[in-house]
Every structure is written in C-alpha cells, then in structure tokens.
Amino acid sequence: MAVTQTVAGNKGLATVALVDSDGYYYLQMGNWRWYTGSGDPNLVITAPLGSLYTRVDTGAVKLYINTDASTTWTVVGAQS
C-alpha cells in the first residue's frame, strides 16, 4: 500500500515542513524526522534511524519507528 499525505494534514506538523527526495513531507528534529500520513510506511519511506511516522488511516492512530536507517518501520508498543 502506498503512503498518502495531504497538504492540509501536513500543515499541522509545523510552520515549516520539509520534503524528502521521494516527495514525503516531514518535520526535522535533530538527526531524525517525523512523518504523518495514511498507509504502511514499510518499504515506502526511507528515513534516518529513529525517525517516527504517525499513521492516521486505521481508525486509531499508530506510531511507527524506523529501525534500520532505510525503509524498515516497526509499530511502537501494543497498538490495536
């Protein structure tokens, strides 16, 4: 499943959102990034180790963390 983002949804991240080389918006905090969108980020978004992704299309918000400084993301904690 592809990750989708909306301009309206990304404006809530910060006053200034950056765009990565794949066209995904994020907020930079130190060496890691925080993304938000719809869809599973695995094998889709490449990000620095420790970056976060908030998935908002599952009926309940899910938080993922990047665990390999590439495209592997793991759901944080026991989320339903």
N, C-alpha and C. Protein backbone atom coordinates (compact mmCIF):
# COMPACT_ATOMS: atom_id res chain seq x y z
N MET A 1 0.84 -1.17 0.00
CA MET A 1 0.00 0.00 0.00
C MET A 1 0.89 1.24 0.00
N ALA A 2 0.58 2.18 -0.82
CA ALA A 2 1.34 3.41 -0.88
C ALA A 2 0.96 4.33 0.27
N VAL A 3 1.90 5.12 0.68
CA VAL A 3 1.64 6.13 1.71
C VAL A 3 1.08 7.36 1.02
N THR A 4 0.03 7.93 1.58
CA THR A 4 -0.52 9.16 1.04
C THR A 4 -0.47 10.25 2.09
N GLN A 5 -0.30 11.46 1.64
CA GLN A 5 -0.28 12.61 2.52
C GLN A 5 -1.12 13.71 1.89
N THR A 6 -1.70 14.55 2.73
CA THR A 6 -2.43 15.70 2.22
C THR A 6 -1.76 16.97 2.71
N VAL A 7 -1.84 18.00 1.92
CA VAL A 7 -1.24 19.28 2.32
C VAL A 7 -1.86 19.77 3.62
N ALA A 8 -3.18 19.66 3.75
CA ALA A 8 -3.85 20.12 4.96
C ALA A 8 -3.35 19.35 6.18
N GLY A 9 -3.15 18.04 6.06
CA GLY A 9 -2.67 17.24 7.17
C GLY A 9 -1.25 17.57 7.57
N ASN A 10 -0.43 17.96 6.63
CA ASN A 10 0.97 18.25 6.92
C ASN A 10 1.18 19.63 7.51
N LYS A 11 0.27 20.53 7.32
CA LYS A 11 0.41 21.85 7.90
C LYS A 11 0.38 21.79 9.42
N GLY A 12 -0.22 20.75 9.99
CA GLY A 12 -0.27 20.60 11.43
C GLY A 12 1.06 20.16 12.03
N LEU A 13 2.01 19.70 11.20
CA LEU A 13 3.30 19.26 11.71
C LEU A 13 4.11 20.42 12.29
N ALA A 14 4.19 21.48 11.56
CA ALA A 14 4.98 22.63 11.99
C ALA A 14 4.74 23.77 11.02
N THR A 15 5.25 24.91 11.36
CA THR A 15 5.13 26.04 10.45
C THR A 15 5.84 25.75 9.15
N VAL A 16 6.99 25.09 9.22
CA VAL A 16 7.76 24.75 8.03
C VAL A 16 7.93 23.25 7.98
N ALA A 17 7.40 22.62 6.94
CA ALA A 17 7.60 21.19 6.72
C ALA A 17 8.55 21.02 5.55
N LEU A 18 9.43 20.06 5.64
CA LEU A 18 10.38 19.77 4.58
C LEU A 18 9.85 18.63 3.72
N VAL A 19 10.43 18.46 2.53
CA VAL A 19 10.03 17.39 1.63
C VAL A 19 11.26 16.55 1.31
N ASP A 20 11.15 15.20 1.47
CA ASP A 20 12.29 14.35 1.18
C ASP A 20 12.39 14.07 -0.32
N SER A 21 13.39 13.31 -0.73
CA SER A 21 13.64 13.07 -2.15
C SER A 21 12.53 12.26 -2.81
N ASP A 22 11.69 11.58 -2.01
CA ASP A 22 10.57 10.82 -2.56
C ASP A 22 9.27 11.63 -2.56
N GLY A 23 9.33 12.86 -2.07
CA GLY A 23 8.16 13.73 -2.07
C GLY A 23 7.30 13.67 -0.82
N TYR A 24 7.81 13.05 0.26
CA TYR A 24 7.05 12.96 1.50
C TYR A 24 7.42 14.10 2.44
N TYR A 25 6.40 14.70 3.06
CA TYR A 25 6.60 15.81 3.98
C TYR A 25 7.00 15.29 5.36
N TYR A 26 7.86 16.04 6.02
CA TYR A 26 8.29 15.66 7.37
C TYR A 26 8.73 16.88 8.14
N LEU A 27 8.85 16.72 9.44
CA LEU A 27 9.39 17.72 10.34
C LEU A 27 10.74 17.21 10.81
N GLN A 28 11.78 17.99 10.66
CA GLN A 28 13.13 17.59 11.07
C GLN A 28 13.37 17.98 12.52
N MET A 29 13.83 17.03 13.33
CA MET A 29 14.18 17.29 14.72
C MET A 29 15.52 16.63 14.99
N GLY A 30 16.56 17.41 15.00
CA GLY A 30 17.90 16.84 15.16
C GLY A 30 18.24 15.98 13.97
N ASN A 31 18.64 14.72 14.23
CA ASN A 31 19.01 13.82 13.15
C ASN A 31 17.87 12.93 12.68
N TRP A 32 16.67 13.08 13.25
CA TRP A 32 15.56 12.23 12.84
C TRP A 32 14.40 13.07 12.33
N ARG A 33 13.46 12.39 11.68
CA ARG A 33 12.32 13.05 11.05
C ARG A 33 11.01 12.50 11.61
N TRP A 34 9.97 13.31 11.51
CA TRP A 34 8.64 12.87 11.90
C TRP A 34 7.71 13.07 10.70
N TYR A 35 7.18 11.94 10.21
CA TYR A 35 6.25 11.94 9.09
C TYR A 35 4.84 11.66 9.60
N THR A 36 3.83 12.02 8.83
CA THR A 36 2.46 11.62 9.11
C THR A 36 1.78 11.32 7.78
N GLY A 37 0.85 10.39 7.79
CA GLY A 37 0.16 10.06 6.54
C GLY A 37 -0.73 8.85 6.70
N SER A 38 -1.20 8.36 5.56
CA SER A 38 -2.06 7.19 5.51
C SER A 38 -1.31 6.07 4.81
N GLY A 39 -1.43 4.86 5.32
CA GLY A 39 -0.76 3.71 4.72
C GLY A 39 0.46 3.29 5.52
N ASP A 40 0.89 2.06 5.28
CA ASP A 40 2.05 1.48 5.95
C ASP A 40 3.34 2.05 5.35
N PRO A 41 4.24 2.58 6.17
CA PRO A 41 5.46 3.19 5.64
C PRO A 41 6.54 2.18 5.23
N ASN A 42 6.38 0.90 5.60
CA ASN A 42 7.40 -0.11 5.30
C ASN A 42 7.64 -0.23 3.80
N LEU A 43 8.92 -0.22 3.44
CA LEU A 43 9.39 -0.33 2.06
C LEU A 43 8.95 0.83 1.19
N VAL A 44 8.44 1.91 1.82
CA VAL A 44 7.97 3.08 1.07
C VAL A 44 8.78 4.32 1.42
N ILE A 45 8.88 4.63 2.70
CA ILE A 45 9.57 5.85 3.14
C ILE A 45 10.96 5.49 3.66
N THR A 46 11.98 6.10 3.07
CA THR A 46 13.35 5.94 3.54
C THR A 46 13.64 7.09 4.50
N ALA A 47 14.09 6.76 5.70
CA ALA A 47 14.31 7.80 6.71
C ALA A 47 15.48 7.42 7.62
N PRO A 48 16.03 8.41 8.32
CA PRO A 48 17.11 8.14 9.27
C PRO A 48 16.64 7.25 10.42
N LEU A 49 17.55 6.50 10.99
CA LEU A 49 17.29 5.64 12.15
C LEU A 49 16.63 6.46 13.26
N GLY A 50 15.56 5.93 13.83
CA GLY A 50 14.86 6.60 14.93
C GLY A 50 13.77 7.55 14.49
N SER A 51 13.61 7.74 13.19
CA SER A 51 12.54 8.61 12.70
C SER A 51 11.18 8.03 13.05
N LEU A 52 10.17 8.89 13.15
CA LEU A 52 8.82 8.48 13.52
C LEU A 52 7.85 8.71 12.37
N TYR A 53 6.81 7.87 12.33
CA TYR A 53 5.74 8.01 11.35
C TYR A 53 4.42 7.80 12.08
N THR A 54 3.52 8.76 11.98
CA THR A 54 2.20 8.65 12.57
C THR A 54 1.22 8.29 11.47
N ARG A 55 0.62 7.11 11.60
CA ARG A 55 -0.36 6.62 10.61
C ARG A 55 -1.75 6.96 11.11
N VAL A 56 -2.52 7.64 10.28
CA VAL A 56 -3.81 8.16 10.74
C VAL A 56 -5.01 7.57 10.01
N ASP A 57 -4.83 6.48 9.26
CA ASP A 57 -5.94 5.94 8.47
C ASP A 57 -6.49 4.62 9.00
N THR A 58 -6.13 4.21 10.20
CA THR A 58 -6.53 2.90 10.70
C THR A 58 -7.70 2.94 11.68
N GLY A 59 -8.30 4.08 11.88
CA GLY A 59 -9.37 4.20 12.87
C GLY A 59 -8.82 4.58 14.23
N ALA A 60 -7.57 4.25 14.46
CA ALA A 60 -6.83 4.65 15.65
C ALA A 60 -5.42 5.00 15.19
N VAL A 61 -4.85 6.02 15.75
CA VAL A 61 -3.51 6.45 15.35
C VAL A 61 -2.49 5.36 15.70
N LYS A 62 -1.58 5.07 14.76
CA LYS A 62 -0.49 4.13 15.01
C LYS A 62 0.83 4.88 14.85
N LEU A 63 1.75 4.59 15.75
CA LEU A 63 3.06 5.21 15.71
C LEU A 63 4.09 4.16 15.31
N TYR A 64 4.91 4.48 14.31
CA TYR A 64 5.98 3.60 13.84
C TYR A 64 7.32 4.28 14.10
N ILE A 65 8.38 3.47 14.27
CA ILE A 65 9.73 3.97 14.38
C ILE A 65 10.60 3.29 13.33
N ASN A 66 11.50 4.04 12.71
CA ASN A 66 12.41 3.48 11.72
C ASN A 66 13.55 2.77 12.45
N THR A 67 13.78 1.50 12.11
CA THR A 67 14.73 0.68 12.84
C THR A 67 15.98 0.31 12.06
N ASP A 68 16.15 0.84 10.84
CA ASP A 68 17.34 0.46 10.07
C ASP A 68 17.95 1.57 9.23
N ALA A 69 17.52 2.80 9.42
CA ALA A 69 18.01 3.94 8.64
C ALA A 69 17.74 3.72 7.15
N SER A 70 16.68 3.02 6.84
CA SER A 70 16.28 2.78 5.46
C SER A 70 14.75 2.74 5.40
N THR A 71 14.17 1.60 5.00
CA THR A 71 12.72 1.53 4.82
C THR A 71 12.02 0.55 5.76
N THR A 72 12.68 0.15 6.86
CA THR A 72 12.05 -0.76 7.81
C THR A 72 11.47 0.03 8.98
N TRP A 73 10.16 -0.13 9.19
CA TRP A 73 9.43 0.57 10.25
C TRP A 73 8.74 -0.45 11.14
N THR A 74 8.74 -0.20 12.45
CA THR A 74 8.13 -1.10 13.43
C THR A 74 7.10 -0.32 14.24
N VAL A 75 5.93 -0.94 14.43
CA VAL A 75 4.89 -0.30 15.27
C VAL A 75 5.43 -0.23 16.70
N VAL A 76 5.25 0.93 17.33
CA VAL A 76 5.72 1.14 18.69
C VAL A 76 4.67 0.62 19.67
N GLY A 77 5.09 -0.25 20.59
CA GLY A 77 4.22 -0.74 21.64
C GLY A 77 3.10 -1.64 21.14
N ALA A 78 2.15 -1.90 22.00
CA ALA A 78 1.00 -2.74 21.69
C ALA A 78 -0.16 -1.86 21.29
N GLN A 79 -0.26 -1.59 20.02
CA GLN A 79 -1.33 -0.72 19.50
C GLN A 79 -2.32 -1.57 18.73
N SER A 80 -3.59 -1.25 18.86
CA SER A 80 -4.61 -2.01 18.12
C SER A 80 -5.08 -1.24 16.92
